[in-house]
Amino acid sequence: MFLGKMENSRKIVWCLMLIMMGIVFAESRNTVLHRVGGGRNSWVPNINFTEWSSHEQFYVGDWLYFGFDKQLYNVLEVNKTSYDNCIDKDFITNITRGGRDVFNLTEAKPFYFLSGRGYCSKGMKVRVCVYDYEPPLAAPLLVYNGYPRIICSRGIQHVLLAAALVCFSLFKYI
């Protein structure tokens, strides 16, 4: 008798762990590759990079893609003062490699990039504000015909359904 209760308790613990893992994974976010300027080879003069970046949302873990002609342009990570004044000396990092270069946004802060060789003054600079990802708030609880009802996103619904099926299987066969 005692052994049967322990097995049921073990099954319940497993189910709860599966549901919690599902919720944690459902609230995570895939990283995004942002093509700077919006195109494949758009790190060029006369593009409004301020306008472009204002329509993007950057989070820790995302990547920037710079596509350009490396014979003409480069990509330098700089500080705010260098960004504001188009100074390409004493840069933080030269990320120029082959003209199709990526940069990982590793922390929540503003990042500043510019192209040296005089192209910064032609508009080749971009400021990217990076934020920590915060998952959406919990689903609201609504009352429908006198009964509480939870509204979930499709992703959470699928995860919870999968967890419920696994729990059902555990109770049925174990």
N, C-alpha and C. Protein backbone atom coordinates (compact mmCIF):
# COMPACT_ATOMS: atom_id res chain seq x y z
N MET A 1 0.83 -1.19 0.00
CA MET A 1 0.00 0.00 0.00
C MET A 1 0.88 1.25 0.00
N PHE A 2 1.86 1.30 0.89
CA PHE A 2 2.75 2.44 0.98
C PHE A 2 3.55 2.61 -0.31
N LEU A 3 3.95 1.48 -0.91
CA LEU A 3 4.73 1.49 -2.14
C LEU A 3 3.92 2.11 -3.29
N GLY A 4 2.63 1.82 -3.35
CA GLY A 4 1.75 2.38 -4.39
C GLY A 4 1.63 3.89 -4.28
N LYS A 5 1.55 4.39 -3.06
CA LYS A 5 1.45 5.83 -2.85
C LYS A 5 2.75 6.53 -3.27
N MET A 6 3.88 5.87 -2.98
CA MET A 6 5.17 6.46 -3.38
C MET A 6 5.27 6.56 -4.90
N GLU A 7 4.80 5.52 -5.60
CA GLU A 7 4.86 5.54 -7.06
C GLU A 7 3.97 6.64 -7.62
N ASN A 8 2.78 6.80 -7.05
CA ASN A 8 1.90 7.89 -7.50
C ASN A 8 2.53 9.25 -7.23
N SER A 9 3.18 9.41 -6.08
CA SER A 9 3.85 10.67 -5.76
C SER A 9 4.97 10.94 -6.74
N ARG A 10 5.70 9.90 -7.07
CA ARG A 10 6.80 10.04 -8.03
C ARG A 10 6.26 10.47 -9.40
N LYS A 11 5.14 9.89 -9.82
CA LYS A 11 4.52 10.25 -11.10
C LYS A 11 4.08 11.72 -11.10
N ILE A 12 3.50 12.14 -10.00
CA ILE A 12 3.05 13.53 -9.90
C ILE A 12 4.23 14.49 -9.96
N VAL A 13 5.32 14.15 -9.27
CA VAL A 13 6.52 15.00 -9.31
C VAL A 13 7.05 15.09 -10.73
N TRP A 14 7.11 13.95 -11.44
CA TRP A 14 7.58 13.96 -12.82
C TRP A 14 6.70 14.84 -13.70
N CYS A 15 5.40 14.73 -13.53
CA CYS A 15 4.48 15.55 -14.33
C CYS A 15 4.68 17.04 -14.06
N LEU A 16 4.81 17.39 -12.80
CA LEU A 16 5.03 18.79 -12.46
C LEU A 16 6.35 19.30 -13.05
N MET A 17 7.38 18.46 -12.99
CA MET A 17 8.67 18.86 -13.56
C MET A 17 8.54 19.07 -15.07
N LEU A 18 7.85 18.18 -15.76
CA LEU A 18 7.67 18.33 -17.20
C LEU A 18 6.90 19.60 -17.54
N ILE A 19 5.85 19.89 -16.79
CA ILE A 19 5.06 21.09 -17.04
C ILE A 19 5.91 22.34 -16.80
N MET A 20 6.69 22.36 -15.71
CA MET A 20 7.54 23.52 -15.42
C MET A 20 8.60 23.71 -16.51
N MET A 21 9.20 22.60 -16.96
CA MET A 21 10.19 22.71 -18.03
C MET A 21 9.54 23.25 -19.30
N GLY A 22 8.34 22.80 -19.59
CA GLY A 22 7.63 23.29 -20.77
C GLY A 22 7.36 24.77 -20.70
N ILE A 23 6.97 25.25 -19.54
CA ILE A 23 6.70 26.68 -19.38
C ILE A 23 7.98 27.48 -19.54
N VAL A 24 9.07 27.01 -18.94
CA VAL A 24 10.35 27.72 -19.05
C VAL A 24 10.77 27.81 -20.52
N PHE A 25 10.69 26.70 -21.25
CA PHE A 25 11.09 26.72 -22.64
C PHE A 25 10.12 27.53 -23.50
N ALA A 26 8.85 27.55 -23.14
CA ALA A 26 7.87 28.30 -23.91
C ALA A 26 8.11 29.80 -23.78
N GLU A 27 8.70 30.24 -22.67
CA GLU A 27 8.94 31.66 -22.47
C GLU A 27 10.29 32.12 -22.98
N SER A 28 11.09 31.22 -23.53
CA SER A 28 12.37 31.63 -24.06
C SER A 28 12.18 32.27 -25.43
N ARG A 29 13.23 32.84 -25.95
CA ARG A 29 13.16 33.56 -27.21
C ARG A 29 14.32 33.13 -28.08
N ASN A 30 14.04 32.90 -29.35
CA ASN A 30 15.10 32.59 -30.29
C ASN A 30 15.86 33.87 -30.63
N THR A 31 17.15 33.75 -30.82
CA THR A 31 17.93 34.93 -31.19
C THR A 31 17.58 35.33 -32.62
N VAL A 32 17.84 36.59 -32.92
CA VAL A 32 17.49 37.16 -34.23
C VAL A 32 18.76 37.68 -34.89
N LEU A 33 18.88 37.46 -36.19
CA LEU A 33 19.95 38.04 -36.99
C LEU A 33 19.38 39.28 -37.66
N HIS A 34 19.88 40.45 -37.28
CA HIS A 34 19.42 41.73 -37.84
C HIS A 34 20.36 42.13 -38.96
N ARG A 35 19.85 42.29 -40.16
CA ARG A 35 20.65 42.76 -41.29
C ARG A 35 20.70 44.28 -41.21
N VAL A 36 21.86 44.79 -40.85
CA VAL A 36 22.02 46.23 -40.63
C VAL A 36 21.68 46.99 -41.92
N GLY A 37 20.73 47.89 -41.82
CA GLY A 37 20.24 48.63 -42.97
C GLY A 37 19.08 47.96 -43.65
N GLY A 38 18.82 46.71 -43.30
CA GLY A 38 17.66 46.01 -43.82
C GLY A 38 17.91 45.07 -44.98
N GLY A 39 19.08 45.13 -45.59
CA GLY A 39 19.32 44.28 -46.75
C GLY A 39 20.55 43.42 -46.60
N ARG A 40 20.84 42.69 -47.67
CA ARG A 40 21.97 41.76 -47.64
C ARG A 40 23.31 42.48 -47.69
N ASN A 41 23.41 43.51 -48.48
CA ASN A 41 24.64 44.32 -48.61
C ASN A 41 24.29 45.79 -48.43
N SER A 42 23.77 46.12 -47.26
CA SER A 42 23.27 47.48 -47.05
C SER A 42 24.11 48.32 -46.08
N TRP A 43 25.34 47.90 -45.79
CA TRP A 43 26.25 48.75 -45.02
C TRP A 43 26.99 49.60 -46.05
N VAL A 44 26.30 50.66 -46.49
CA VAL A 44 26.78 51.56 -47.54
C VAL A 44 26.38 52.99 -47.19
N PRO A 45 26.98 53.98 -47.84
CA PRO A 45 26.60 55.37 -47.56
C PRO A 45 25.15 55.65 -47.99
N ASN A 46 24.65 56.74 -47.45
CA ASN A 46 23.34 57.29 -47.83
C ASN A 46 22.15 56.40 -47.44
N ILE A 47 22.32 55.61 -46.40
CA ILE A 47 21.19 54.88 -45.80
C ILE A 47 21.01 55.47 -44.41
N ASN A 48 19.76 55.70 -44.04
CA ASN A 48 19.48 56.26 -42.72
C ASN A 48 19.45 55.12 -41.70
N PHE A 49 20.60 54.84 -41.11
CA PHE A 49 20.70 53.73 -40.15
C PHE A 49 19.96 54.04 -38.85
N THR A 50 19.82 55.31 -38.52
CA THR A 50 19.04 55.69 -37.33
C THR A 50 17.59 55.31 -37.54
N GLU A 51 17.07 55.59 -38.70
CA GLU A 51 15.69 55.21 -39.05
C GLU A 51 15.54 53.68 -38.99
N TRP A 52 16.49 52.99 -39.59
CA TRP A 52 16.42 51.52 -39.60
C TRP A 52 16.41 50.96 -38.18
N SER A 53 17.35 51.40 -37.35
CA SER A 53 17.45 50.83 -35.99
C SER A 53 16.26 51.19 -35.12
N SER A 54 15.57 52.29 -35.43
CA SER A 54 14.40 52.68 -34.63
C SER A 54 13.23 51.72 -34.83
N HIS A 55 13.26 50.95 -35.91
CA HIS A 55 12.18 50.00 -36.18
C HIS A 55 12.52 48.57 -35.77
N GLU A 56 13.68 48.38 -35.18
CA GLU A 56 14.13 47.06 -34.76
C GLU A 56 14.10 46.97 -33.24
N GLN A 57 13.99 45.76 -32.72
CA GLN A 57 14.11 45.53 -31.29
C GLN A 57 15.28 44.58 -31.09
N PHE A 58 16.24 45.02 -30.32
CA PHE A 58 17.48 44.26 -30.11
C PHE A 58 17.52 43.74 -28.69
N TYR A 59 17.81 42.44 -28.57
CA TYR A 59 17.89 41.81 -27.26
C TYR A 59 19.23 41.10 -27.12
N VAL A 60 19.63 40.92 -25.86
CA VAL A 60 20.88 40.20 -25.57
C VAL A 60 20.81 38.84 -26.27
N GLY A 61 21.89 38.51 -26.97
CA GLY A 61 21.96 37.26 -27.71
C GLY A 61 21.70 37.41 -29.19
N ASP A 62 21.07 38.51 -29.60
CA ASP A 62 20.84 38.75 -31.02
C ASP A 62 22.16 39.02 -31.74
N TRP A 63 22.12 38.98 -33.05
CA TRP A 63 23.30 39.20 -33.88
C TRP A 63 23.03 40.32 -34.87
N LEU A 64 24.07 41.08 -35.18
CA LEU A 64 24.02 42.07 -36.25
C LEU A 64 24.79 41.51 -37.44
N TYR A 65 24.24 41.67 -38.63
CA TYR A 65 24.91 41.25 -39.85
C TYR A 65 25.24 42.51 -40.66
N PHE A 66 26.50 42.69 -40.97
CA PHE A 66 26.95 43.79 -41.80
C PHE A 66 27.41 43.21 -43.14
N GLY A 67 26.73 43.58 -44.21
CA GLY A 67 27.13 43.15 -45.55
C GLY A 67 27.66 44.36 -46.31
N PHE A 68 28.90 44.26 -46.83
CA PHE A 68 29.53 45.42 -47.45
C PHE A 68 30.73 45.00 -48.29
N ASP A 69 31.25 45.95 -49.05
CA ASP A 69 32.48 45.74 -49.82
C ASP A 69 33.65 46.07 -48.91
N LYS A 70 34.40 45.07 -48.51
CA LYS A 70 35.48 45.28 -47.54
C LYS A 70 36.65 46.08 -48.12
N GLN A 71 36.71 46.23 -49.44
CA GLN A 71 37.74 47.06 -50.05
C GLN A 71 37.46 48.55 -49.82
N LEU A 72 36.16 48.89 -49.64
CA LEU A 72 35.77 50.28 -49.46
C LEU A 72 35.46 50.63 -48.00
N TYR A 73 34.73 49.75 -47.33
CA TYR A 73 34.19 50.07 -46.02
C TYR A 73 34.74 49.13 -44.95
N ASN A 74 34.52 49.51 -43.71
CA ASN A 74 34.83 48.64 -42.58
C ASN A 74 33.77 48.86 -41.51
N VAL A 75 33.84 48.06 -40.45
CA VAL A 75 32.89 48.20 -39.34
C VAL A 75 33.69 48.22 -38.06
N LEU A 76 33.55 49.31 -37.33
CA LEU A 76 34.27 49.49 -36.08
C LEU A 76 33.27 49.71 -34.95
N GLU A 77 33.45 48.98 -33.86
CA GLU A 77 32.68 49.27 -32.65
C GLU A 77 33.42 50.39 -31.94
N VAL A 78 32.70 51.45 -31.58
CA VAL A 78 33.31 52.62 -30.95
C VAL A 78 32.49 53.03 -29.72
N ASN A 79 33.02 54.00 -28.97
CA ASN A 79 32.27 54.55 -27.85
C ASN A 79 31.36 55.68 -28.34
N LYS A 80 30.55 56.22 -27.46
CA LYS A 80 29.57 57.25 -27.84
C LYS A 80 30.24 58.50 -28.39
N THR A 81 31.32 58.93 -27.77
CA THR A 81 32.01 60.14 -28.23
C THR A 81 32.54 59.96 -29.65
N SER A 82 33.17 58.83 -29.91
CA SER A 82 33.67 58.55 -31.26
C SER A 82 32.52 58.46 -32.25
N TYR A 83 31.42 57.86 -31.84
CA TYR A 83 30.23 57.76 -32.69
C TYR A 83 29.70 59.16 -33.04
N ASP A 84 29.53 59.99 -32.01
CA ASP A 84 28.98 61.33 -32.22
C ASP A 84 29.87 62.18 -33.12
N ASN A 85 31.19 61.99 -33.02
CA ASN A 85 32.13 62.83 -33.75
C ASN A 85 32.81 62.14 -34.94
N CYS A 86 32.35 60.94 -35.30
CA CYS A 86 32.91 60.17 -36.42
C CYS A 86 34.42 59.99 -36.30
N ILE A 87 34.87 59.58 -35.11
CA ILE A 87 36.29 59.34 -34.88
C ILE A 87 36.55 57.84 -35.02
N ASP A 88 37.42 57.47 -35.98
CA ASP A 88 37.67 56.05 -36.20
C ASP A 88 38.99 55.58 -35.59
N LYS A 89 39.58 56.40 -34.76
CA LYS A 89 40.80 56.01 -34.03
C LYS A 89 40.41 55.49 -32.66
N ASP A 90 41.24 54.68 -32.06
CA ASP A 90 41.00 54.13 -30.71
C ASP A 90 39.63 53.45 -30.60
N PHE A 91 39.25 52.71 -31.61
CA PHE A 91 37.99 51.97 -31.60
C PHE A 91 38.06 50.83 -30.59
N ILE A 92 36.90 50.30 -30.23
CA ILE A 92 36.83 49.19 -29.28
C ILE A 92 37.17 47.88 -29.98
N THR A 93 36.50 47.63 -31.10
CA THR A 93 36.71 46.39 -31.85
C THR A 93 36.55 46.66 -33.34
N ASN A 94 37.44 46.09 -34.13
CA ASN A 94 37.27 46.10 -35.58
C ASN A 94 36.64 44.76 -35.93
N ILE A 95 35.39 44.79 -36.34
CA ILE A 95 34.73 43.52 -36.64
C ILE A 95 34.81 43.17 -38.12
N THR A 96 35.52 43.96 -38.88
CA THR A 96 35.67 43.71 -40.31
C THR A 96 36.48 42.44 -40.53
N ARG A 97 35.92 41.52 -41.27
CA ARG A 97 36.63 40.29 -41.62
C ARG A 97 36.57 40.09 -43.14
N GLY A 98 35.37 39.78 -43.63
CA GLY A 98 35.28 39.46 -45.05
C GLY A 98 34.21 40.20 -45.81
N GLY A 99 33.54 41.15 -45.17
CA GLY A 99 32.48 41.88 -45.85
C GLY A 99 31.09 41.31 -45.61
N ARG A 100 31.02 40.20 -44.94
CA ARG A 100 29.76 39.62 -44.49
C ARG A 100 30.00 39.24 -43.03
N ASP A 101 30.01 40.25 -42.19
CA ASP A 101 30.47 40.06 -40.82
C ASP A 101 29.33 40.16 -39.83
N VAL A 102 29.45 39.41 -38.75
CA VAL A 102 28.42 39.39 -37.72
C VAL A 102 29.01 39.84 -36.39
N PHE A 103 28.14 40.36 -35.56
CA PHE A 103 28.53 40.83 -34.23
C PHE A 103 27.45 40.39 -33.26
N ASN A 104 27.85 39.70 -32.18
CA ASN A 104 26.92 39.22 -31.17
C ASN A 104 26.69 40.30 -30.12
N LEU A 105 25.44 40.61 -29.87
CA LEU A 105 25.06 41.58 -28.85
C LEU A 105 24.98 40.85 -27.51
N THR A 106 26.02 40.97 -26.71
CA THR A 106 26.18 40.12 -25.52
C THR A 106 25.70 40.73 -24.22
N GLU A 107 25.38 42.02 -24.23
CA GLU A 107 24.90 42.63 -22.99
C GLU A 107 23.91 43.75 -23.29
N ALA A 108 23.10 44.05 -22.29
CA ALA A 108 22.09 45.10 -22.42
C ALA A 108 22.76 46.46 -22.23
N LYS A 109 22.91 47.16 -23.34
CA LYS A 109 23.53 48.49 -23.33
C LYS A 109 23.45 49.04 -24.76
N PRO A 110 23.77 50.31 -24.94
CA PRO A 110 23.88 50.82 -26.32
C PRO A 110 25.22 50.40 -26.93
N PHE A 111 25.19 49.99 -28.19
CA PHE A 111 26.39 49.70 -28.95
C PHE A 111 26.47 50.72 -30.08
N TYR A 112 27.69 51.14 -30.40
CA TYR A 112 27.91 52.15 -31.44
C TYR A 112 28.86 51.58 -32.50
N PHE A 113 28.48 51.73 -33.77
CA PHE A 113 29.30 51.25 -34.87
C PHE A 113 29.42 52.36 -35.91
N LEU A 114 30.57 52.36 -36.59
CA LEU A 114 30.74 53.28 -37.70
C LEU A 114 31.71 52.69 -38.70
N SER A 115 31.70 53.29 -39.88
CA SER A 115 32.69 52.93 -40.89
C SER A 115 33.71 54.05 -40.91
N GLY A 116 34.98 53.67 -40.89
CA GLY A 116 36.05 54.67 -40.96
C GLY A 116 36.28 55.11 -42.39
N ARG A 117 37.50 55.60 -42.65
CA ARG A 117 37.91 56.02 -43.99
C ARG A 117 37.06 57.16 -44.54
N GLY A 118 36.44 57.93 -43.63
CA GLY A 118 35.65 59.09 -44.03
C GLY A 118 34.18 58.79 -44.33
N TYR A 119 33.78 57.53 -44.29
CA TYR A 119 32.40 57.18 -44.64
C TYR A 119 31.41 57.43 -43.51
N CYS A 120 31.90 57.55 -42.28
CA CYS A 120 31.00 57.87 -41.17
C CYS A 120 30.29 59.19 -41.43
N SER A 121 31.02 60.18 -41.92
CA SER A 121 30.41 61.49 -42.19
C SER A 121 29.41 61.43 -43.34
N LYS A 122 29.39 60.32 -44.08
CA LYS A 122 28.40 60.10 -45.14
C LYS A 122 27.24 59.24 -44.64
N GLY A 123 27.16 59.10 -43.33
CA GLY A 123 26.02 58.42 -42.73
C GLY A 123 26.24 56.99 -42.33
N MET A 124 27.43 56.46 -42.53
CA MET A 124 27.67 55.05 -42.20
C MET A 124 28.01 54.89 -40.72
N LYS A 125 26.98 55.03 -39.90
CA LYS A 125 27.10 54.78 -38.47
C LYS A 125 25.74 54.38 -37.94
N VAL A 126 25.77 53.54 -36.92
CA VAL A 126 24.51 53.07 -36.34
C VAL A 126 24.67 52.86 -34.85
N ARG A 127 23.64 53.25 -34.13
CA ARG A 127 23.54 53.04 -32.68
C ARG A 127 22.46 51.98 -32.46
N VAL A 128 22.79 50.99 -31.64
CA VAL A 128 21.88 49.88 -31.37
C VAL A 128 21.68 49.79 -29.87
N CYS A 129 20.45 49.95 -29.41
CA CYS A 129 20.14 49.82 -27.98
C CYS A 129 19.67 48.41 -27.71
N VAL A 130 20.41 47.68 -26.87
CA VAL A 130 20.14 46.27 -26.60
C VAL A 130 19.52 46.15 -25.22
N TYR A 131 18.48 45.32 -25.13
CA TYR A 131 17.75 45.12 -23.88
C TYR A 131 17.79 43.65 -23.48
N ASP A 132 17.62 43.42 -22.18
CA ASP A 132 17.43 42.05 -21.69
C ASP A 132 16.03 41.63 -22.11
N TYR A 133 15.89 40.37 -22.51
CA TYR A 133 14.57 39.87 -22.89
C TYR A 133 13.76 39.58 -21.65
N GLU A 134 12.57 40.09 -21.62
CA GLU A 134 11.64 39.81 -20.52
C GLU A 134 10.43 39.14 -21.13
N PRO A 135 10.15 37.90 -20.72
CA PRO A 135 9.00 37.19 -21.30
C PRO A 135 7.71 37.95 -21.02
N PRO A 136 6.72 37.75 -21.87
CA PRO A 136 5.44 38.43 -21.65
C PRO A 136 4.85 38.06 -20.29
N LEU A 137 4.00 38.92 -19.80
CA LEU A 137 3.34 38.66 -18.52
C LEU A 137 2.47 37.41 -18.64
N ALA A 138 2.13 36.84 -17.50
CA ALA A 138 1.29 35.64 -17.48
C ALA A 138 -0.03 35.91 -18.18
N ALA A 139 -0.62 34.87 -18.71
CA ALA A 139 -1.88 34.99 -19.41
C ALA A 139 -2.95 35.52 -18.47
N PRO A 140 -3.81 36.42 -18.96
CA PRO A 140 -4.84 36.97 -18.08
C PRO A 140 -5.91 35.93 -17.78
N LEU A 141 -6.50 36.07 -16.61
CA LEU A 141 -7.58 35.19 -16.19
C LEU A 141 -8.88 35.92 -16.49
N LEU A 142 -9.71 35.33 -17.33
CA LEU A 142 -10.99 35.94 -17.69
C LEU A 142 -12.12 35.12 -17.09
N VAL A 143 -13.25 35.77 -16.89
CA VAL A 143 -14.44 35.06 -16.42
C VAL A 143 -15.39 34.98 -17.59
N TYR A 144 -15.78 33.75 -17.93
CA TYR A 144 -16.66 33.51 -19.07
C TYR A 144 -17.83 32.68 -18.58
N ASN A 145 -19.03 33.22 -18.67
CA ASN A 145 -20.24 32.53 -18.19
C ASN A 145 -20.09 32.06 -16.75
N GLY A 146 -19.42 32.89 -15.95
CA GLY A 146 -19.28 32.57 -14.54
C GLY A 146 -18.14 31.63 -14.20
N TYR A 147 -17.40 31.13 -15.20
CA TYR A 147 -16.30 30.20 -14.96
C TYR A 147 -14.98 30.87 -15.35
N PRO A 148 -13.96 30.71 -14.53
CA PRO A 148 -12.66 31.30 -14.91
C PRO A 148 -12.10 30.61 -16.14
N ARG A 149 -11.44 31.39 -16.97
CA ARG A 149 -10.86 30.86 -18.19
C ARG A 149 -9.51 31.53 -18.41
N ILE A 150 -8.49 30.74 -18.67
CA ILE A 150 -7.16 31.30 -18.91
C ILE A 150 -6.93 31.38 -20.41
N ILE A 151 -6.49 32.55 -20.85
CA ILE A 151 -6.18 32.74 -22.25
C ILE A 151 -4.68 32.52 -22.42
N CYS A 152 -4.29 31.57 -23.24
CA CYS A 152 -2.88 31.25 -23.44
C CYS A 152 -2.51 31.50 -24.89
N SER A 153 -1.26 31.77 -25.09
CA SER A 153 -0.78 31.85 -26.47
C SER A 153 -0.71 30.43 -27.02
N ARG A 154 -0.68 30.30 -28.34
CA ARG A 154 -0.63 28.97 -28.97
C ARG A 154 0.60 28.18 -28.53
N GLY A 155 1.74 28.84 -28.38
CA GLY A 155 2.96 28.14 -27.98
C GLY A 155 2.80 27.48 -26.61
N ILE A 156 2.23 28.21 -25.67
CA ILE A 156 2.05 27.67 -24.32
C ILE A 156 1.01 26.55 -24.37
N GLN A 157 -0.04 26.73 -25.16
CA GLN A 157 -1.06 25.69 -25.26
C GLN A 157 -0.44 24.38 -25.75
N HIS A 158 0.41 24.46 -26.77
CA HIS A 158 1.04 23.25 -27.30
C HIS A 158 1.95 22.59 -26.27
N VAL A 159 2.71 23.39 -25.55
CA VAL A 159 3.61 22.84 -24.53
C VAL A 159 2.81 22.17 -23.42
N LEU A 160 1.76 22.83 -22.96
CA LEU A 160 0.95 22.24 -21.89
C LEU A 160 0.22 20.99 -22.36
N LEU A 161 -0.24 20.99 -23.61
CA LEU A 161 -0.88 19.80 -24.15
C LEU A 161 0.11 18.64 -24.22
N ALA A 162 1.32 18.92 -24.69
CA ALA A 162 2.35 17.87 -24.75
C ALA A 162 2.66 17.34 -23.36
N ALA A 163 2.79 18.24 -22.38
CA ALA A 163 3.08 17.81 -21.01
C ALA A 163 1.93 16.96 -20.46
N ALA A 164 0.70 17.35 -20.77
CA ALA A 164 -0.46 16.58 -20.30
C ALA A 164 -0.47 15.19 -20.92
N LEU A 165 -0.13 15.08 -22.21
CA LEU A 165 -0.07 13.77 -22.87
C LEU A 165 1.00 12.89 -22.26
N VAL A 166 2.15 13.47 -21.95
CA VAL A 166 3.22 12.71 -21.31
C VAL A 166 2.78 12.23 -19.94
N CYS A 167 2.13 13.11 -19.17
CA CYS A 167 1.65 12.72 -17.84
C CYS A 167 0.63 11.60 -17.95
N PHE A 168 -0.28 11.70 -18.92
CA PHE A 168 -1.28 10.66 -19.12
C PHE A 168 -0.60 9.32 -19.41
N SER A 169 0.43 9.38 -20.26
CA SER A 169 1.17 8.16 -20.60
C SER A 169 1.85 7.58 -19.36
N LEU A 170 2.43 8.44 -18.53
CA LEU A 170 3.10 7.96 -17.33
C LEU A 170 2.11 7.24 -16.41
N PHE A 171 0.94 7.82 -16.21
CA PHE A 171 -0.03 7.22 -15.32
C PHE A 171 -0.60 5.93 -15.90
N LYS A 172 -0.69 5.86 -17.20
CA LYS A 172 -1.30 4.70 -17.85
C LYS A 172 -0.37 3.49 -17.86
N TYR A 173 0.94 3.73 -18.15
CA TYR A 173 1.85 2.60 -18.36
C TYR A 173 2.82 2.34 -17.22
N ILE A 174 3.00 3.27 -16.33
CA ILE A 174 3.99 3.06 -15.26
C ILE A 174 3.30 2.60 -14.00
